[in-house]
PDB file of N, CA and C in Angstrom:
ATOM      1  N   MET A   1      34.011 -57.976  24.059  1.00  0.00           N
ATOM      2  CA  MET A   1      33.796 -56.726  23.575  1.00  0.00           C
ATOM      3  C   MET A   1      33.419 -55.679  24.851  1.00  0.00           C
ATOM      4  N   GLU A   2      33.736 -54.523  25.124  1.00  0.00           N
ATOM      5  CA  GLU A   2      33.662 -53.827  26.324  1.00  0.00           C
ATOM      6  C   GLU A   2      31.947 -53.329  26.447  1.00  0.00           C
ATOM      7  N   ASN A   3      31.362 -52.918  27.500  1.00  0.00           N
ATOM      8  CA  ASN A   3      30.034 -52.489  27.501  1.00  0.00           C
ATOM      9  C   ASN A   3      29.933 -51.138  26.918  1.00  0.00           C
ATOM     10  N   ASN A   4      30.956 -50.393  26.804  1.00  0.00           N
ATOM     11  CA  ASN A   4      30.561 -49.035  26.394  1.00  0.00           C
ATOM     12  C   ASN A   4      30.802 -48.859  24.507  1.00  0.00           C
ATOM     13  N   LYS A   5      30.990 -50.044  23.826  1.00  0.00           N
ATOM     14  CA  LYS A   5      30.800 -50.225  22.345  1.00  0.00           C
ATOM     15  C   LYS A   5      29.789 -51.004  21.975  1.00  0.00           C
ATOM     16  N   LYS A   6      29.499 -50.592  20.847  1.00  0.00           N
ATOM     17  CA  LYS A   6      28.335 -51.512  19.946  1.00  0.00           C
ATOM     18  C   LYS A   6      29.338 -52.115  18.625  1.00  0.00           C
ATOM     19  N   ASP A   7      28.515 -53.356  18.226  1.00  0.00           N
ATOM     20  CA  ASP A   7      28.958 -54.167  17.197  1.00  0.00           C
ATOM     21  C   ASP A   7      28.987 -53.523  15.841  1.00  0.00           C
ATOM     22  N   GLY A   8      30.347 -53.086  15.260  1.00  0.00           N
ATOM     23  CA  GLY A   8      30.031 -52.542  13.887  1.00  0.00           C
ATOM     24  C   GLY A   8      29.899 -53.189  12.790  1.00  0.00           C
ATOM     25  N   ARG A   9      29.520 -54.561  12.794  1.00  0.00           N
ATOM     26  CA  ARG A   9      28.958 -55.398  11.804  1.00  0.00           C
ATOM     27  C   ARG A   9      27.546 -55.240  11.533  1.00  0.00           C
ATOM     28  N   ILE A  10      26.755 -54.542  12.438  1.00  0.00           N
ATOM     29  CA  ILE A  10      25.313 -54.140  12.336  1.00  0.00           C
ATOM     30  C   ILE A  10      24.946 -52.657  11.855  1.00  0.00           C
ATOM     31  N   ARG A  11      24.227 -52.688  10.813  1.00  0.00           N
ATOM     32  CA  ARG A  11      24.277 -51.452  10.246  1.00  0.00           C
ATOM     33  C   ARG A  11      23.250 -50.423  11.266  1.00  0.00           C
ATOM     34  N   LYS A  12      22.272 -51.111  11.563  1.00  0.00           N
ATOM     35  CA  LYS A  12      21.598 -50.125  12.614  1.00  0.00           C
ATOM     36  C   LYS A  12      22.110 -49.438  13.702  1.00  0.00           C
ATOM     37  N   ASN A  13      23.328 -50.155  14.247  1.00  0.00           N
ATOM     38  CA  ASN A  13      24.132 -49.532  15.244  1.00  0.00           C
ATOM     39  C   ASN A  13      24.843 -48.431  14.794  1.00  0.00           C
ATOM     40  N   ILE A  14      24.978 -48.054  13.551  1.00  0.00           N
ATOM     41  CA  ILE A  14      25.817 -46.965  13.077  1.00  0.00           C
ATOM     42  C   ILE A  14      24.947 -45.777  12.480  1.00  0.00           C
ATOM     43  N   GLN A  15      25.054 -44.678  12.884  1.00  0.00           N
ATOM     44  CA  GLN A  15      24.385 -43.489  12.401  1.00  0.00           C
ATOM     45  C   GLN A  15      25.646 -42.314  11.955  1.00  0.00           C
ATOM     46  N   ILE A  16      25.011 -41.303  10.936  1.00  0.00           N
ATOM     47  CA  ILE A  16      26.009 -40.522  10.545  1.00  0.00           C
ATOM     48  C   ILE A  16      26.185 -39.551  11.994  1.00  0.00           C
ATOM     49  N   GLY A  17      27.333 -39.208  12.371  1.00  0.00           N
ATOM     50  CA  GLY A  17      27.867 -38.379  13.549  1.00  0.00           C
ATOM     51  C   GLY A  17      28.256 -39.210  14.614  1.00  0.00           C
ATOM     52  N   ASN A  18      28.109 -40.605  14.495  1.00  0.00           N
ATOM     53  CA  ASN A  18      28.742 -41.358  15.747  1.00  0.00           C
ATOM     54  C   ASN A  18      30.180 -41.493  15.841  1.00  0.00           C
ATOM     55  N   THR A  19      30.881 -41.621  16.747  1.00  0.00           N
ATOM     56  CA  THR A  19      32.191 -41.799  16.967  1.00  0.00           C
ATOM     57  C   THR A  19      32.512 -43.209  16.805  1.00  0.00           C
ATOM     58  N   VAL A  20      33.507 -43.811  15.825  1.00  0.00           N
ATOM     59  CA  VAL A  20      33.480 -45.156  15.664  1.00  0.00           C
ATOM     60  C   VAL A  20      35.209 -45.312  15.787  1.00  0.00           C
ATOM     61  N   GLU A  21      35.261 -46.441  15.721  1.00  0.00           N
ATOM     62  CA  GLU A  21      36.726 -47.092  15.545  1.00  0.00           C
ATOM     63  C   GLU A  21      36.645 -47.949  14.175  1.00  0.00           C
ATOM     64  N   ILE A  22      37.516 -47.829  13.133  1.00  0.00           N
ATOM     65  CA  ILE A  22      37.536 -48.367  11.908  1.00  0.00           C
ATOM     66  C   ILE A  22      38.946 -49.025  11.542  1.00  0.00           C
ATOM     67  N   VAL A  23      39.148 -50.041  10.713  1.00  0.00           N
ATOM     68  CA  VAL A  23      40.318 -50.402  10.386  1.00  0.00           C
ATOM     69  C   VAL A  23      40.247 -50.012   8.782  1.00  0.00           C
ATOM     70  N   GLN A  24      41.419 -49.512   8.382  1.00  0.00           N
ATOM     71  CA  GLN A  24      41.315 -49.048   7.038  1.00  0.00           C
ATOM     72  C   GLN A  24      41.871 -50.116   5.906  1.00  0.00           C
ATOM     73  N   LYS A  25      41.639 -50.417   5.077  1.00  0.00           N
ATOM     74  CA  LYS A  25      42.251 -51.459   4.174  1.00  0.00           C
ATOM     75  C   LYS A  25      43.737 -51.642   4.082  1.00  0.00           C
ATOM     76  N   ASN A  26      44.438 -50.483   4.056  1.00  0.00           N
ATOM     77  CA  ASN A  26      45.829 -51.238   4.105  1.00  0.00           C
ATOM     78  C   ASN A  26      46.323 -51.230   5.547  1.00  0.00           C
ATOM     79  N   HIS A  27      45.495 -51.367   6.709  1.00  0.00           N
ATOM     80  CA  HIS A  27      45.744 -51.690   7.862  1.00  0.00           C
ATOM     81  C   HIS A  27      45.088 -52.988   8.460  1.00  0.00           C
ATOM     82  N   GLN A  28      44.463 -53.738   7.527  1.00  0.00           N
ATOM     83  CA  GLN A  28      43.814 -55.223   8.022  1.00  0.00           C
ATOM     84  C   GLN A  28      44.758 -56.012   8.511  1.00  0.00           C
ATOM     85  N   ARG A  29      45.850 -56.304   7.999  1.00  0.00           N
ATOM     86  CA  ARG A  29      46.853 -57.192   8.557  1.00  0.00           C
ATOM     87  C   ARG A  29      47.093 -56.902  10.044  1.00  0.00           C
ATOM     88  N   SER A  30      47.590 -55.547  10.408  1.00  0.00           N
ATOM     89  CA  SER A  30      47.857 -55.389  11.464  1.00  0.00           C
ATOM     90  C   SER A  30      47.012 -55.151  12.641  1.00  0.00           C
ATOM     91  N   GLY A  31      45.732 -54.608  11.939  1.00  0.00           N
ATOM     92  CA  GLY A  31      44.638 -54.281  12.776  1.00  0.00           C
ATOM     93  C   GLY A  31      44.500 -53.137  13.646  1.00  0.00           C
ATOM     94  N   GLU A  32      45.399 -51.945  12.951  1.00  0.00           N
ATOM     95  CA  GLU A  32      45.280 -50.861  13.666  1.00  0.00           C
ATOM     96  C   GLU A  32      44.051 -50.121  13.363  1.00  0.00           C
ATOM     97  N   LEU A  33      43.615 -49.532  14.589  1.00  0.00           N
ATOM     98  CA  LEU A  33      42.288 -48.891  14.447  1.00  0.00           C
ATOM     99  C   LEU A  33      42.251 -47.402  14.598  1.00  0.00           C
ATOM    100  N   THR A  34      41.587 -46.612  13.594  1.00  0.00           N
ATOM    101  CA  THR A  34      41.518 -45.174  13.487  1.00  0.00           C
ATOM    102  C   THR A  34      40.222 -44.714  14.089  1.00  0.00           C
ATOM    103  N   GLU A  35      40.295 -43.683  14.871  1.00  0.00           N
ATOM    104  CA  GLU A  35      38.972 -43.106  15.481  1.00  0.00           C
ATOM    105  C   GLU A  35      38.682 -41.748  14.748  1.00  0.00           C
ATOM    106  N   GLY A  36      37.271 -41.880  14.481  1.00  0.00           N
ATOM    107  CA  GLY A  36      36.695 -40.585  13.893  1.00  0.00           C
ATOM    108  C   GLY A  36      35.251 -40.601  13.965  1.00  0.00           C
ATOM    109  N   ILE A  37      34.566 -39.589  13.108  1.00  0.00           N
ATOM    110  CA  ILE A  37      33.421 -39.421  13.130  1.00  0.00           C
ATOM    111  C   ILE A  37      32.704 -39.859  11.905  1.00  0.00           C
ATOM    112  N   VAL A  38      31.681 -40.442  11.935  1.00  0.00           N
ATOM    113  CA  VAL A  38      30.940 -40.861  10.595  1.00  0.00           C
ATOM    114  C   VAL A  38      30.363 -39.793   9.705  1.00  0.00           C
ATOM    115  N   LYS A  39      30.893 -39.973   8.612  1.00  0.00           N
ATOM    116  CA  LYS A  39      30.115 -38.712   7.652  1.00  0.00           C
ATOM    117  C   LYS A  39      29.198 -39.546   6.587  1.00  0.00           C
ATOM    118  N   LYS A  40      29.570 -40.763   6.266  1.00  0.00           N
ATOM    119  CA  LYS A  40      28.749 -41.352   5.178  1.00  0.00           C
ATOM    120  C   LYS A  40      28.979 -42.927   5.604  1.00  0.00           C
ATOM    121  N   LEU A  41      27.587 -43.571   5.144  1.00  0.00           N
ATOM    122  CA  LEU A  41      27.505 -44.991   5.373  1.00  0.00           C
ATOM    123  C   LEU A  41      27.670 -45.462   4.039  1.00  0.00           C
ATOM    124  N   LEU A  42      28.667 -46.272   3.693  1.00  0.00           N
ATOM    125  CA  LEU A  42      28.787 -47.080   2.503  1.00  0.00           C
ATOM    126  C   LEU A  42      28.327 -48.358   1.878  1.00  0.00           C
ATOM    127  N   THR A  43      28.165 -48.838   3.058  1.00  0.00           N
ATOM    128  CA  THR A  43      27.530 -50.563   2.895  1.00  0.00           C
ATOM    129  C   THR A  43      26.089 -50.265   3.127  1.00  0.00           C
ATOM    130  N   ASN A  44      25.291 -50.758   2.246  1.00  0.00           N
ATOM    131  CA  ASN A  44      23.815 -50.586   2.033  1.00  0.00           C
ATOM    132  C   ASN A  44      23.260 -52.044   2.727  1.00  0.00           C
ATOM    133  N   SER A  45      23.954 -53.190   2.796  1.00  0.00           N
ATOM    134  CA  SER A  45      23.492 -54.483   3.583  1.00  0.00           C
ATOM    135  C   SER A  45      23.007 -54.145   5.089  1.00  0.00           C
ATOM    136  N   PRO A  46      22.164 -54.800   5.570  1.00  0.00           N
ATOM    137  CA  PRO A  46      21.904 -54.671   7.133  1.00  0.00           C
ATOM    138  C   PRO A  46      23.159 -55.055   8.095  1.00  0.00           C
ATOM    139  N   ASN A  47      23.869 -55.910   7.464  1.00  0.00           N
ATOM    140  CA  ASN A  47      25.051 -56.372   8.161  1.00  0.00           C
ATOM    141  C   ASN A  47      26.090 -56.681   7.354  1.00  0.00           C
ATOM    142  N   HIS A  48      27.431 -57.097   7.950  1.00  0.00           N
ATOM    143  CA  HIS A  48      28.541 -57.404   6.985  1.00  0.00           C
ATOM    144  C   HIS A  48      29.625 -58.201   8.165  1.00  0.00           C
ATOM    145  N   PRO A  49      30.068 -59.211   7.805  1.00  0.00           N
ATOM    146  CA  PRO A  49      30.753 -60.237   8.763  1.00  0.00           C
ATOM    147  C   PRO A  49      32.201 -59.309   8.915  1.00  0.00           C
ATOM    148  N   HIS A  50      32.622 -58.334   8.154  1.00  0.00           N
ATOM    149  CA  HIS A  50      34.031 -57.461   8.341  1.00  0.00           C
ATOM    150  C   HIS A  50      33.622 -56.282   8.931  1.00  0.00           C
ATOM    151  N   GLY A  51      32.629 -56.021   8.944  1.00  0.00           N
ATOM    152  CA  GLY A  51      32.327 -54.518   9.404  1.00  0.00           C
ATOM    153  C   GLY A  51      31.582 -53.603   8.554  1.00  0.00           C
ATOM    154  N   ILE A  52      30.774 -52.758   8.788  1.00  0.00           N
ATOM    155  CA  ILE A  52      30.084 -51.821   7.624  1.00  0.00           C
ATOM    156  C   ILE A  52      30.977 -50.813   7.169  1.00  0.00           C
ATOM    157  N   LYS A  53      31.207 -50.567   5.941  1.00  0.00           N
ATOM    158  CA  LYS A  53      32.244 -49.701   5.507  1.00  0.00           C
ATOM    159  C   LYS A  53      31.557 -48.201   5.629  1.00  0.00           C
ATOM    160  N   VAL A  54      32.269 -47.317   6.105  1.00  0.00           N
ATOM    161  CA  VAL A  54      31.847 -46.081   6.506  1.00  0.00           C
ATOM    162  C   VAL A  54      33.064 -45.036   5.944  1.00  0.00           C
ATOM    163  N   GLN A  55      32.755 -43.716   5.585  1.00  0.00           N
ATOM    164  CA  GLN A  55      33.658 -42.693   5.436  1.00  0.00           C
ATOM    165  C   GLN A  55      33.553 -41.770   6.666  1.00  0.00           C
ATOM    166  N   LEU A  56      34.760 -41.494   6.991  1.00  0.00           N
ATOM    167  CA  LEU A  56      34.864 -40.617   8.176  1.00  0.00           C
ATOM    168  C   LEU A  56      35.029 -38.812   7.950  1.00  0.00           C
ATOM    169  N   GLU A  57      34.736 -38.284   8.721  1.00  0.00           N
ATOM    170  CA  GLU A  57      34.600 -36.691   8.262  1.00  0.00           C
ATOM    171  C   GLU A  57      36.116 -36.245   7.768  1.00  0.00           C
ATOM    172  N   THR A  58      37.122 -37.016   8.099  1.00  0.00           N
ATOM    173  CA  THR A  58      38.379 -36.620   7.681  1.00  0.00           C
ATOM    174  C   THR A  58      38.482 -37.519   6.107  1.00  0.00           C
ATOM    175  N   CYS A  59      37.553 -38.016   5.682  1.00  0.00           N
ATOM    176  CA  CYS A  59      37.597 -38.712   4.140  1.00  0.00           C
ATOM    177  C   CYS A  59      38.244 -40.178   4.274  1.00  0.00           C
ATOM    178  N   VAL A  60      38.734 -40.468   5.569  1.00  0.00           N
ATOM    179  CA  VAL A  60      39.265 -41.710   5.498  1.00  0.00           C
ATOM    180  C   VAL A  60      38.170 -42.857   5.345  1.00  0.00           C
ATOM    181  N   VAL A  61      38.042 -44.067   4.650  1.00  0.00           N
ATOM    182  CA  VAL A  61      37.325 -44.928   4.541  1.00  0.00           C
ATOM    183  C   VAL A  61      37.760 -46.316   4.992  1.00  0.00           C
ATOM    184  N   GLY A  62      36.963 -46.791   5.821  1.00  0.00           N
ATOM    185  CA  GLY A  62      37.277 -48.051   6.309  1.00  0.00           C
ATOM    186  C   GLY A  62      35.963 -49.074   6.882  1.00  0.00           C
ATOM    187  N   ARG A  63      36.507 -50.229   7.685  1.00  0.00           N
ATOM    188  CA  ARG A  63      35.129 -51.007   8.004  1.00  0.00           C
ATOM    189  C   ARG A  63      35.185 -50.737   9.778  1.00  0.00           C
ATOM    190  N   VAL A  64      34.018 -50.657  10.104  1.00  0.00           N
ATOM    191  CA  VAL A  64      33.825 -50.174  11.461  1.00  0.00           C
ATOM    192  C   VAL A  64      33.916 -51.329  12.353  1.00  0.00           C
ATOM    193  N   LYS A  65      34.854 -51.309  13.352  1.00  0.00           N
ATOM    194  CA  LYS A  65      35.196 -52.416  14.263  1.00  0.00           C
ATOM    195  C   LYS A  65      34.164 -52.148  15.500  1.00  0.00           C
ATOM    196  N   ASN A  66      34.057 -51.044  16.155  1.00  0.00           N
ATOM    197  CA  ASN A  66      33.452 -50.491  17.031  1.00  0.00           C
ATOM    198  C   ASN A  66      32.553 -49.230  17.160  1.00  0.00           C
ATOM    199  N   VAL A  67      31.424 -48.961  17.943  1.00  0.00           N
ATOM    200  CA  VAL A  67      30.780 -48.007  17.658  1.00  0.00           C
ATOM    201  C   VAL A  67      30.963 -47.478  19.193  1.00  0.00           C
ATOM    202  N   LEU A  68      31.712 -46.340  19.370  1.00  0.00           N
ATOM    203  CA  LEU A  68      31.883 -45.712  20.756  1.00  0.00           C
ATOM    204  C   LEU A  68      30.749 -44.998  21.340  1.00  0.00           C
ATOM    205  N   ILE A  69      30.300 -45.238  22.507  1.00  0.00           N
ATOM    206  CA  ILE A  69      28.850 -44.661  22.988  1.00  0.00           C
ATOM    207  C   ILE A  69      29.339 -43.663  24.164  1.00  0.00           C
TER     208      ILE A  69
END
């Protein structure tokens, strides 16, 4: 993982307003990433093995792979 990215599997790394890369449910096989700004955190647990689920400002929902700094 590059130095300018944080792990998206840990909830405390993600805050509303952060720019993140997510993978949407229908893109899990291809691994296609979507970049956007976090509007809402949907996962309540402190960590998740596949990434914290968020909703972006564009209303797209997916699991965070990278938090961009």
